[in-house]
Amino acid sequence: MKKYDWADIHYALAHECLVSQESVEFYRDSSKFVILDNGADELGEGMRGTEYLRLVSEIQPDVVILPDVLSNGFETRERGLQFLSEVAVLEHSYGVEYMAVI
């Protein structure tokens, strides 16, 4: 992976993008390295499923943080694996990477 300066990275929170199409467009059109976070730290459990898949497709981030649940390693693992099986059926025309929460 290429090394980036902090000024070259945008960190998008999925739950904020859900309520603002302007945010979706900002991150989608960004020339910077974009990380899409599921929002577990803010919400207690991360976004997942259809809404999160739609944001991944719309924004086309460089890295997607897999769904997780705070303080629950088993459920975090299950949700991460489930999301990867859901995203496997999507056809991406770009090189997205997935980051698991441990």
PDB file of N, CA and C in Angstrom:
ATOM      1  N   MET A   1       0.836  -1.169   0.000  1.00  0.00           N
ATOM      2  CA  MET A   1       0.000   0.000   0.000  1.00  0.00           C
ATOM      3  C   MET A   1       0.887   1.241   0.000  1.00  0.00           C
ATOM      4  N   LYS A   2       0.487   2.208  -0.786  1.00  0.00           N
ATOM      5  CA  LYS A   2       1.215   3.469  -0.862  1.00  0.00           C
ATOM      6  C   LYS A   2       1.142   4.203   0.482  1.00  0.00           C
ATOM      7  N   LYS A   3       2.211   4.897   0.849  1.00  0.00           N
ATOM      8  CA  LYS A   3       2.215   5.692   2.076  1.00  0.00           C
ATOM      9  C   LYS A   3       1.599   7.052   1.795  1.00  0.00           C
ATOM     10  N   TYR A   4       0.765   7.497   2.727  1.00  0.00           N
ATOM     11  CA  TYR A   4       0.090   8.781   2.583  1.00  0.00           C
ATOM     12  C   TYR A   4       0.394   9.674   3.768  1.00  0.00           C
ATOM     13  N   ASP A   5       0.396  10.955   3.521  1.00  0.00           N
ATOM     14  CA  ASP A   5       0.461  11.953   4.583  1.00  0.00           C
ATOM     15  C   ASP A   5      -0.964  12.107   5.124  1.00  0.00           C
ATOM     16  N   TRP A   6      -1.119  12.449   6.392  1.00  0.00           N
ATOM     17  CA  TRP A   6      -2.459  12.605   6.978  1.00  0.00           C
ATOM     18  C   TRP A   6      -3.323  13.570   6.174  1.00  0.00           C
ATOM     19  N   ALA A   7      -2.717  14.564   5.566  1.00  0.00           N
ATOM     20  CA  ALA A   7      -3.473  15.539   4.785  1.00  0.00           C
ATOM     21  C   ALA A   7      -4.031  14.932   3.500  1.00  0.00           C
ATOM     22  N   ASP A   8      -3.567  13.742   3.143  1.00  0.00           N
ATOM     23  CA  ASP A   8      -4.021  13.082   1.919  1.00  0.00           C
ATOM     24  C   ASP A   8      -5.153  12.089   2.172  1.00  0.00           C
ATOM     25  N   ILE A   9      -5.658  12.017   3.402  1.00  0.00           N
ATOM     26  CA  ILE A   9      -6.642  11.003   3.762  1.00  0.00           C
ATOM     27  C   ILE A   9      -7.951  11.658   4.207  1.00  0.00           C
ATOM     28  N   HIS A  10      -9.055  11.126   3.689  1.00  0.00           N
ATOM     29  CA  HIS A  10     -10.389  11.506   4.169  1.00  0.00           C
ATOM     30  C   HIS A  10     -10.988  10.304   4.887  1.00  0.00           C
ATOM     31  N   TYR A  11     -11.593  10.562   6.050  1.00  0.00           N
ATOM     32  CA  TYR A  11     -12.190   9.514   6.868  1.00  0.00           C
ATOM     33  C   TYR A  11     -13.695   9.751   6.897  1.00  0.00           C
ATOM     34  N   ALA A  12     -14.437   8.937   6.179  1.00  0.00           N
ATOM     35  CA  ALA A  12     -15.882   9.118   6.035  1.00  0.00           C
ATOM     36  C   ALA A  12     -16.630   8.228   7.023  1.00  0.00           C
ATOM     37  N   LEU A  13     -17.560   8.815   7.757  1.00  0.00           N
ATOM     38  CA  LEU A  13     -18.415   8.054   8.672  1.00  0.00           C
ATOM     39  C   LEU A  13     -19.723   7.729   7.967  1.00  0.00           C
ATOM     40  N   ALA A  14     -20.023   6.448   7.849  1.00  0.00           N
ATOM     41  CA  ALA A  14     -21.167   5.991   7.068  1.00  0.00           C
ATOM     42  C   ALA A  14     -22.486   6.601   7.535  1.00  0.00           C
ATOM     43  N   HIS A  15     -22.707   6.660   8.848  1.00  0.00           N
ATOM     44  CA  HIS A  15     -23.989   7.179   9.335  1.00  0.00           C
ATOM     45  C   HIS A  15     -24.163   8.657   9.020  1.00  0.00           C
ATOM     46  N   GLU A  16     -23.081   9.397   8.896  1.00  0.00           N
ATOM     47  CA  GLU A  16     -23.182  10.797   8.496  1.00  0.00           C
ATOM     48  C   GLU A  16     -23.469  10.914   7.001  1.00  0.00           C
ATOM     49  N   CYS A  17     -22.916  10.001   6.221  1.00  0.00           N
ATOM     50  CA  CYS A  17     -23.176  10.013   4.779  1.00  0.00           C
ATOM     51  C   CYS A  17     -24.627   9.655   4.472  1.00  0.00           C
ATOM     52  N   LEU A  18     -25.233   8.843   5.312  1.00  0.00           N
ATOM     53  CA  LEU A  18     -26.636   8.475   5.099  1.00  0.00           C
ATOM     54  C   LEU A  18     -27.565   9.678   5.138  1.00  0.00           C
ATOM     55  N   VAL A  19     -27.237  10.659   5.945  1.00  0.00           N
ATOM     56  CA  VAL A  19     -28.114  11.815   6.098  1.00  0.00           C
ATOM     57  C   VAL A  19     -27.679  13.004   5.249  1.00  0.00           C
ATOM     58  N   SER A  20     -26.629  12.842   4.457  1.00  0.00           N
ATOM     59  CA  SER A  20     -26.138  13.961   3.661  1.00  0.00           C
ATOM     60  C   SER A  20     -25.605  13.490   2.310  1.00  0.00           C
ATOM     61  N   GLN A  21     -26.398  13.690   1.279  1.00  0.00           N
ATOM     62  CA  GLN A  21     -25.948  13.352  -0.074  1.00  0.00           C
ATOM     63  C   GLN A  21     -24.735  14.195  -0.443  1.00  0.00           C
ATOM     64  N   GLU A  22     -24.657  15.385   0.127  1.00  0.00           N
ATOM     65  CA  GLU A  22     -23.512  16.262  -0.103  1.00  0.00           C
ATOM     66  C   GLU A  22     -22.215  15.600   0.383  1.00  0.00           C
ATOM     67  N   SER A  23     -22.288  14.917   1.528  1.00  0.00           N
ATOM     68  CA  SER A  23     -21.113  14.200   2.040  1.00  0.00           C
ATOM     69  C   SER A  23     -20.731  13.057   1.114  1.00  0.00           C
ATOM     70  N   VAL A  24     -21.729  12.312   0.644  1.00  0.00           N
ATOM     71  CA  VAL A  24     -21.466  11.208  -0.293  1.00  0.00           C
ATOM     72  C   VAL A  24     -20.733  11.736  -1.521  1.00  0.00           C
ATOM     73  N   GLU A  25     -21.232  12.820  -2.080  1.00  0.00           N
ATOM     74  CA  GLU A  25     -20.608  13.403  -3.275  1.00  0.00           C
ATOM     75  C   GLU A  25     -19.203  13.923  -2.983  1.00  0.00           C
ATOM     76  N   PHE A  26     -19.019  14.531  -1.814  1.00  0.00           N
ATOM     77  CA  PHE A  26     -17.702  15.040  -1.426  1.00  0.00           C
ATOM     78  C   PHE A  26     -16.678  13.913  -1.401  1.00  0.00           C
ATOM     79  N   TYR A  27     -17.006  12.818  -0.725  1.00  0.00           N
ATOM     80  CA  TYR A  27     -16.054  11.701  -0.626  1.00  0.00           C
ATOM     81  C   TYR A  27     -15.899  10.977  -1.957  1.00  0.00           C
ATOM     82  N   ARG A  28     -16.984  10.822  -2.700  1.00  0.00           N
ATOM     83  CA  ARG A  28     -16.914  10.141  -3.996  1.00  0.00           C
ATOM     84  C   ARG A  28     -16.018  10.905  -4.967  1.00  0.00           C
ATOM     85  N   ASP A  29     -16.108  12.244  -4.938  1.00  0.00           N
ATOM     86  CA  ASP A  29     -15.362  13.069  -5.885  1.00  0.00           C
ATOM     87  C   ASP A  29     -13.969  13.453  -5.381  1.00  0.00           C
ATOM     88  N   SER A  30     -13.618  12.997  -4.190  1.00  0.00           N
ATOM     89  CA  SER A  30     -12.329  13.351  -3.601  1.00  0.00           C
ATOM     90  C   SER A  30     -11.177  12.701  -4.356  1.00  0.00           C
ATOM     91  N   SER A  31     -10.104  13.443  -4.490  1.00  0.00           N
ATOM     92  CA  SER A  31      -8.897  12.874  -5.103  1.00  0.00           C
ATOM     93  C   SER A  31      -7.987  12.287  -4.028  1.00  0.00           C
ATOM     94  N   LYS A  32      -8.439  12.344  -2.771  1.00  0.00           N
ATOM     95  CA  LYS A  32      -7.645  11.829  -1.658  1.00  0.00           C
ATOM     96  C   LYS A  32      -7.992  10.371  -1.363  1.00  0.00           C
ATOM     97  N   PHE A  33      -7.188   9.751  -0.537  1.00  0.00           N
ATOM     98  CA  PHE A  33      -7.402   8.380  -0.081  1.00  0.00           C
ATOM     99  C   PHE A  33      -8.592   8.399   0.885  1.00  0.00           C
ATOM    100  N   VAL A  34      -9.640   7.637   0.586  1.00  0.00           N
ATOM    101  CA  VAL A  34     -10.864   7.667   1.392  1.00  0.00           C
ATOM    102  C   VAL A  34     -11.053   6.349   2.136  1.00  0.00           C
ATOM    103  N   ILE A  35     -11.251   6.467   3.452  1.00  0.00           N
ATOM    104  CA  ILE A  35     -11.580   5.327   4.307  1.00  0.00           C
ATOM    105  C   ILE A  35     -13.044   5.488   4.717  1.00  0.00           C
ATOM    106  N   LEU A  36     -13.861   4.470   4.478  1.00  0.00           N
ATOM    107  CA  LEU A  36     -15.265   4.487   4.885  1.00  0.00           C
ATOM    108  C   LEU A  36     -15.412   3.644   6.151  1.00  0.00           C
ATOM    109  N   ASP A  37     -15.845   4.302   7.228  1.00  0.00           N
ATOM    110  CA  ASP A  37     -16.006   3.644   8.525  1.00  0.00           C
ATOM    111  C   ASP A  37     -17.483   3.378   8.775  1.00  0.00           C
ATOM    112  N   ASN A  38     -17.780   2.230   9.341  1.00  0.00           N
ATOM    113  CA  ASN A  38     -19.161   1.816   9.594  1.00  0.00           C
ATOM    114  C   ASN A  38     -19.811   2.525  10.772  1.00  0.00           C
ATOM    115  N   GLY A  39     -19.057   3.236  11.592  1.00  0.00           N
ATOM    116  CA  GLY A  39     -19.615   4.042  12.669  1.00  0.00           C
ATOM    117  C   GLY A  39     -19.837   3.345  13.993  1.00  0.00           C
ATOM    118  N   ALA A  40     -19.217   2.196  14.225  1.00  0.00           N
ATOM    119  CA  ALA A  40     -19.447   1.457  15.472  1.00  0.00           C
ATOM    120  C   ALA A  40     -19.032   2.258  16.709  1.00  0.00           C
ATOM    121  N   ASP A  41     -17.933   2.995  16.629  1.00  0.00           N
ATOM    122  CA  ASP A  41     -17.500   3.774  17.794  1.00  0.00           C
ATOM    123  C   ASP A  41     -18.548   4.803  18.203  1.00  0.00           C
ATOM    124  N   GLU A  42     -19.218   5.361  17.238  1.00  0.00           N
ATOM    125  CA  GLU A  42     -20.213   6.383  17.521  1.00  0.00           C
ATOM    126  C   GLU A  42     -21.585   5.792  17.843  1.00  0.00           C
ATOM    127  N   LEU A  43     -21.912   4.648  17.238  1.00  0.00           N
ATOM    128  CA  LEU A  43     -23.262   4.079  17.351  1.00  0.00           C
ATOM    129  C   LEU A  43     -23.357   2.842  18.243  1.00  0.00           C
ATOM    130  N   GLY A  44     -22.225   2.235  18.619  1.00  0.00           N
ATOM    131  CA  GLY A  44     -22.230   1.020  19.429  1.00  0.00           C
ATOM    132  C   GLY A  44     -22.123  -0.239  18.595  1.00  0.00           C
ATOM    133  N   GLU A  45     -22.697  -0.210  17.408  1.00  0.00           N
ATOM    134  CA  GLU A  45     -22.504  -1.294  16.444  1.00  0.00           C
ATOM    135  C   GLU A  45     -22.483  -0.676  15.055  1.00  0.00           C
ATOM    136  N   GLY A  46     -21.671  -1.253  14.199  1.00  0.00           N
ATOM    137  CA  GLY A  46     -21.445  -0.670  12.888  1.00  0.00           C
ATOM    138  C   GLY A  46     -22.565  -0.913  11.905  1.00  0.00           C
ATOM    139  N   MET A  47     -22.656   0.007  10.961  1.00  0.00           N
ATOM    140  CA  MET A  47     -23.609  -0.150   9.875  1.00  0.00           C
ATOM    141  C   MET A  47     -23.234  -1.383   9.069  1.00  0.00           C
ATOM    142  N   ARG A  48     -24.228  -2.032   8.536  1.00  0.00           N
ATOM    143  CA  ARG A  48     -23.995  -3.228   7.717  1.00  0.00           C
ATOM    144  C   ARG A  48     -25.151  -3.391   6.752  1.00  0.00           C
ATOM    145  N   GLY A  49     -25.097  -4.434   5.964  1.00  0.00           N
ATOM    146  CA  GLY A  49     -26.200  -4.758   5.069  1.00  0.00           C
ATOM    147  C   GLY A  49     -26.348  -3.813   3.888  1.00  0.00           C
ATOM    148  N   THR A  50     -27.578  -3.716   3.404  1.00  0.00           N
ATOM    149  CA  THR A  50     -27.887  -2.994   2.176  1.00  0.00           C
ATOM    150  C   THR A  50     -27.454  -1.539   2.202  1.00  0.00           C
ATOM    151  N   GLU A  51     -27.697  -0.846   3.302  1.00  0.00           N
ATOM    152  CA  GLU A  51     -27.322   0.569   3.387  1.00  0.00           C
ATOM    153  C   GLU A  51     -25.816   0.757   3.252  1.00  0.00           C
ATOM    154  N   TYR A  52     -25.077  -0.075   3.937  1.00  0.00           N
ATOM    155  CA  TYR A  52     -23.615   0.046   3.899  1.00  0.00           C
ATOM    156  C   TYR A  52     -23.085  -0.352   2.516  1.00  0.00           C
ATOM    157  N   LEU A  53     -23.649  -1.398   1.941  1.00  0.00           N
ATOM    158  CA  LEU A  53     -23.246  -1.812   0.591  1.00  0.00           C
ATOM    159  C   LEU A  53     -23.516  -0.703  -0.417  1.00  0.00           C
ATOM    160  N   ARG A  54     -24.651  -0.021  -0.276  1.00  0.00           N
ATOM    161  CA  ARG A  54     -24.986   1.074  -1.182  1.00  0.00           C
ATOM    162  C   ARG A  54     -23.955   2.195  -1.064  1.00  0.00           C
ATOM    163  N   LEU A  55     -23.573   2.526   0.169  1.00  0.00           N
ATOM    164  CA  LEU A  55     -22.570   3.580   0.363  1.00  0.00           C
ATOM    165  C   LEU A  55     -21.218   3.185  -0.230  1.00  0.00           C
ATOM    166  N   VAL A  56     -20.834   1.937  -0.070  1.00  0.00           N
ATOM    167  CA  VAL A  56     -19.577   1.455  -0.656  1.00  0.00           C
ATOM    168  C   VAL A  56     -19.620   1.649  -2.166  1.00  0.00           C
ATOM    169  N   SER A  57     -20.738   1.271  -2.778  1.00  0.00           N
ATOM    170  CA  SER A  57     -20.870   1.408  -4.232  1.00  0.00           C
ATOM    171  C   SER A  57     -20.899   2.859  -4.674  1.00  0.00           C
ATOM    172  N   GLU A  58     -21.576   3.700  -3.910  1.00  0.00           N
ATOM    173  CA  GLU A  58     -21.696   5.117  -4.273  1.00  0.00           C
ATOM    174  C   GLU A  58     -20.399   5.885  -4.085  1.00  0.00           C
ATOM    175  N   ILE A  59     -19.781   5.718  -2.927  1.00  0.00           N
ATOM    176  CA  ILE A  59     -18.586   6.499  -2.603  1.00  0.00           C
ATOM    177  C   ILE A  59     -17.348   5.928  -3.280  1.00  0.00           C
ATOM    178  N   GLN A  60     -17.276   4.623  -3.412  1.00  0.00           N
ATOM    179  CA  GLN A  60     -16.114   3.922  -3.952  1.00  0.00           C
ATOM    180  C   GLN A  60     -14.837   4.310  -3.192  1.00  0.00           C
ATOM    181  N   PRO A  61     -14.830   4.053  -1.877  1.00  0.00           N
ATOM    182  CA  PRO A  61     -13.650   4.393  -1.066  1.00  0.00           C
ATOM    183  C   PRO A  61     -12.478   3.470  -1.381  1.00  0.00           C
ATOM    184  N   ASP A  62     -11.324   3.858  -0.897  1.00  0.00           N
ATOM    185  CA  ASP A  62     -10.136   3.018  -1.058  1.00  0.00           C
ATOM    186  C   ASP A  62     -10.138   1.871  -0.054  1.00  0.00           C
ATOM    187  N   VAL A  63     -10.645   2.146   1.154  1.00  0.00           N
ATOM    188  CA  VAL A  63     -10.712   1.146   2.219  1.00  0.00           C
ATOM    189  C   VAL A  63     -12.095   1.202   2.857  1.00  0.00           C
ATOM    190  N   VAL A  64     -12.661   0.031   3.122  1.00  0.00           N
ATOM    191  CA  VAL A  64     -13.936  -0.096   3.826  1.00  0.00           C
ATOM    192  C   VAL A  64     -13.666  -0.844   5.130  1.00  0.00           C
ATOM    193  N   ILE A  65     -14.076  -0.250   6.239  1.00  0.00           N
ATOM    194  CA  ILE A  65     -13.944  -0.931   7.524  1.00  0.00           C
ATOM    195  C   ILE A  65     -15.157  -1.840   7.694  1.00  0.00           C
ATOM    196  N   LEU A  66     -14.884  -3.124   7.910  1.00  0.00           N
ATOM    197  CA  LEU A  66     -15.958  -4.104   8.023  1.00  0.00           C
ATOM    198  C   LEU A  66     -16.843  -3.821   9.238  1.00  0.00           C
ATOM    199  N   PRO A  67     -18.120  -4.205   9.165  1.00  0.00           N
ATOM    200  CA  PRO A  67     -19.030  -4.006  10.304  1.00  0.00           C
ATOM    201  C   PRO A  67     -18.486  -4.660  11.571  1.00  0.00           C
ATOM    202  N   ASP A  68     -18.681  -3.962  12.691  1.00  0.00           N
ATOM    203  CA  ASP A  68     -18.234  -4.504  13.970  1.00  0.00           C
ATOM    204  C   ASP A  68     -19.191  -4.078  15.078  1.00  0.00           C
ATOM    205  N   VAL A  69     -19.038  -4.720  16.228  1.00  0.00           N
ATOM    206  CA  VAL A  69     -19.840  -4.419  17.413  1.00  0.00           C
ATOM    207  C   VAL A  69     -18.866  -4.183  18.560  1.00  0.00           C
ATOM    208  N   LEU A  70     -19.000  -3.043  19.221  1.00  0.00           N
ATOM    209  CA  LEU A  70     -18.082  -2.738  20.321  1.00  0.00           C
ATOM    210  C   LEU A  70     -18.139  -3.805  21.402  1.00  0.00           C
ATOM    211  N   SER A  71     -16.984  -4.225  21.868  1.00  0.00           N
ATOM    212  CA  SER A  71     -16.833  -5.175  22.979  1.00  0.00           C
ATOM    213  C   SER A  71     -17.444  -6.542  22.714  1.00  0.00           C
ATOM    214  N   ASN A  72     -17.590  -6.923  21.450  1.00  0.00           N
ATOM    215  CA  ASN A  72     -18.137  -8.238  21.136  1.00  0.00           C
ATOM    216  C   ASN A  72     -17.380  -8.821  19.941  1.00  0.00           C
ATOM    217  N   GLY A  73     -16.273  -9.485  20.250  1.00  0.00           N
ATOM    218  CA  GLY A  73     -15.418 -10.042  19.209  1.00  0.00           C
ATOM    219  C   GLY A  73     -16.103 -11.085  18.355  1.00  0.00           C
ATOM    220  N   PHE A  74     -16.923 -11.938  18.980  1.00  0.00           N
ATOM    221  CA  PHE A  74     -17.604 -12.984  18.209  1.00  0.00           C
ATOM    222  C   PHE A  74     -18.553 -12.372  17.187  1.00  0.00           C
ATOM    223  N   GLU A  75     -19.383 -11.427  17.622  1.00  0.00           N
ATOM    224  CA  GLU A  75     -20.350 -10.808  16.704  1.00  0.00           C
ATOM    225  C   GLU A  75     -19.640  -9.965  15.648  1.00  0.00           C
ATOM    226  N   THR A  76     -18.539  -9.330  16.027  1.00  0.00           N
ATOM    227  CA  THR A  76     -17.750  -8.568  15.056  1.00  0.00           C
ATOM    228  C   THR A  76     -17.242  -9.489  13.957  1.00  0.00           C
ATOM    229  N   ARG A  77     -16.724 -10.649  14.339  1.00  0.00           N
ATOM    230  CA  ARG A  77     -16.230 -11.613  13.341  1.00  0.00           C
ATOM    231  C   ARG A  77     -17.359 -12.068  12.431  1.00  0.00           C
ATOM    232  N   GLU A  78     -18.494 -12.409  13.013  1.00  0.00           N
ATOM    233  CA  GLU A  78     -19.636 -12.887  12.229  1.00  0.00           C
ATOM    234  C   GLU A  78     -20.125 -11.823  11.244  1.00  0.00           C
ATOM    235  N   ARG A  79     -20.234 -10.592  11.709  1.00  0.00           N
ATOM    236  CA  ARG A  79     -20.720  -9.514  10.839  1.00  0.00           C
ATOM    237  C   ARG A  79     -19.718  -9.197   9.727  1.00  0.00           C
ATOM    238  N   GLY A  80     -18.438  -9.268  10.053  1.00  0.00           N
ATOM    239  CA  GLY A  80     -17.419  -9.040   9.037  1.00  0.00           C
ATOM    240  C   GLY A  80     -17.471 -10.091   7.941  1.00  0.00           C
ATOM    241  N   LEU A  81     -17.570 -11.360   8.342  1.00  0.00           N
ATOM    242  CA  LEU A  81     -17.657 -12.447   7.362  1.00  0.00           C
ATOM    243  C   LEU A  81     -18.939 -12.354   6.537  1.00  0.00           C
ATOM    244  N   GLN A  82     -20.045 -12.010   7.189  1.00  0.00           N
ATOM    245  CA  GLN A  82     -21.313 -11.860   6.480  1.00  0.00           C
ATOM    246  C   GLN A  82     -21.218 -10.752   5.435  1.00  0.00           C
ATOM    247  N   PHE A  83     -20.635  -9.619   5.822  1.00  0.00           N
ATOM    248  CA  PHE A  83     -20.508  -8.499   4.896  1.00  0.00           C
ATOM    249  C   PHE A  83     -19.629  -8.872   3.711  1.00  0.00           C
ATOM    250  N   LEU A  84     -18.535  -9.591   3.963  1.00  0.00           N
ATOM    251  CA  LEU A  84     -17.666 -10.010   2.861  1.00  0.00           C
ATOM    252  C   LEU A  84     -18.390 -10.938   1.902  1.00  0.00           C
ATOM    253  N   SER A  85     -19.275 -11.792   2.424  1.00  0.00           N
ATOM    254  CA  SER A  85     -20.037 -12.670   1.525  1.00  0.00           C
ATOM    255  C   SER A  85     -21.058 -11.860   0.728  1.00  0.00           C
ATOM    256  N   GLU A  86     -21.615 -10.813   1.325  1.00  0.00           N
ATOM    257  CA  GLU A  86     -22.560  -9.954   0.610  1.00  0.00           C
ATOM    258  C   GLU A  86     -21.856  -9.128  -0.463  1.00  0.00           C
ATOM    259  N   VAL A  87     -20.685  -8.598  -0.123  1.00  0.00           N
ATOM    260  CA  VAL A  87     -19.969  -7.743  -1.058  1.00  0.00           C
ATOM    261  C   VAL A  87     -19.361  -8.562  -2.200  1.00  0.00           C
ATOM    262  N   ALA A  88     -19.158  -9.843  -1.987  1.00  0.00           N
ATOM    263  CA  ALA A  88     -18.569 -10.702  -3.025  1.00  0.00           C
ATOM    264  C   ALA A  88     -19.445 -10.780  -4.265  1.00  0.00           C
ATOM    265  N   VAL A  89     -20.751 -10.570  -4.104  1.00  0.00           N
ATOM    266  CA  VAL A  89     -21.652 -10.642  -5.257  1.00  0.00           C
ATOM    267  C   VAL A  89     -21.685  -9.330  -6.035  1.00  0.00           C
ATOM    268  N   LEU A  90     -21.146  -8.257  -5.457  1.00  0.00           N
ATOM    269  CA  LEU A  90     -21.074  -6.985  -6.163  1.00  0.00           C
ATOM    270  C   LEU A  90     -19.888  -6.991  -7.102  1.00  0.00           C
ATOM    271  N   GLU A  91     -20.029  -6.305  -8.179  1.00  0.00           N
ATOM    272  CA  GLU A  91     -18.922  -6.197  -9.114  1.00  0.00           C
ATOM    273  C   GLU A  91     -18.314  -4.807  -8.970  1.00  0.00           C
ATOM    274  N   HIS A  92     -17.089  -4.738  -8.469  1.00  0.00           N
ATOM    275  CA  HIS A  92     -16.420  -3.456  -8.282  1.00  0.00           C
ATOM    276  C   HIS A  92     -15.493  -3.182  -9.463  1.00  0.00           C
ATOM    277  N   SER A  93     -15.554  -1.958  -9.953  1.00  0.00           N
ATOM    278  CA  SER A  93     -14.673  -1.584 -11.054  1.00  0.00           C
ATOM    279  C   SER A  93     -13.447  -0.831 -10.532  1.00  0.00           C
ATOM    280  N   TYR A  94     -13.211  -0.924  -9.252  1.00  0.00           N
ATOM    281  CA  TYR A  94     -12.088  -0.231  -8.638  1.00  0.00           C
ATOM    282  C   TYR A  94     -11.480  -1.151  -7.589  1.00  0.00           C
ATOM    283  N   GLY A  95     -10.309  -0.802  -7.075  1.00  0.00           N
ATOM    284  CA  GLY A  95      -9.593  -1.671  -6.140  1.00  0.00           C
ATOM    285  C   GLY A  95      -9.845  -1.331  -4.688  1.00  0.00           C
ATOM    286  N   VAL A  96     -10.985  -1.694  -4.172  1.00  0.00           N
ATOM    287  CA  VAL A  96     -11.304  -1.437  -2.768  1.00  0.00           C
ATOM    288  C   VAL A  96     -10.633  -2.500  -1.899  1.00  0.00           C
ATOM    289  N   GLU A  97     -10.204  -2.079  -0.709  1.00  0.00           N
ATOM    290  CA  GLU A  97      -9.651  -3.006   0.272  1.00  0.00           C
ATOM    291  C   GLU A  97     -10.556  -3.004   1.492  1.00  0.00           C
ATOM    292  N   TYR A  98     -10.556  -4.103   2.234  1.00  0.00           N
ATOM    293  CA  TYR A  98     -11.401  -4.235   3.411  1.00  0.00           C
ATOM    294  C   TYR A  98     -10.524  -4.374   4.644  1.00  0.00           C
ATOM    295  N   MET A  99     -10.916  -3.668   5.710  1.00  0.00           N
ATOM    296  CA  MET A  99     -10.164  -3.685   6.956  1.00  0.00           C
ATOM    297  C   MET A  99     -11.053  -4.281   8.039  1.00  0.00           C
ATOM    298  N   ALA A 100     -10.571  -5.330   8.684  1.00  0.00           N
ATOM    299  CA  ALA A 100     -11.311  -5.957   9.774  1.00  0.00           C
ATOM    300  C   ALA A 100     -10.924  -5.306  11.091  1.00  0.00           C
ATOM    301  N   VAL A 101     -11.884  -5.243  11.981  1.00  0.00           N
ATOM    302  CA  VAL A 101     -11.653  -4.736  13.338  1.00  0.00           C
ATOM    303  C   VAL A 101     -11.307  -5.938  14.204  1.00  0.00           C
ATOM    304  N   ILE A 102     -10.220  -5.831  14.968  1.00  0.00           N
ATOM    305  CA  ILE A 102      -9.852  -6.954  15.833  1.00  0.00           C
ATOM    306  C   ILE A 102     -10.002  -6.597  17.285  1.00  0.00           C
TER     307      ILE A 102
END
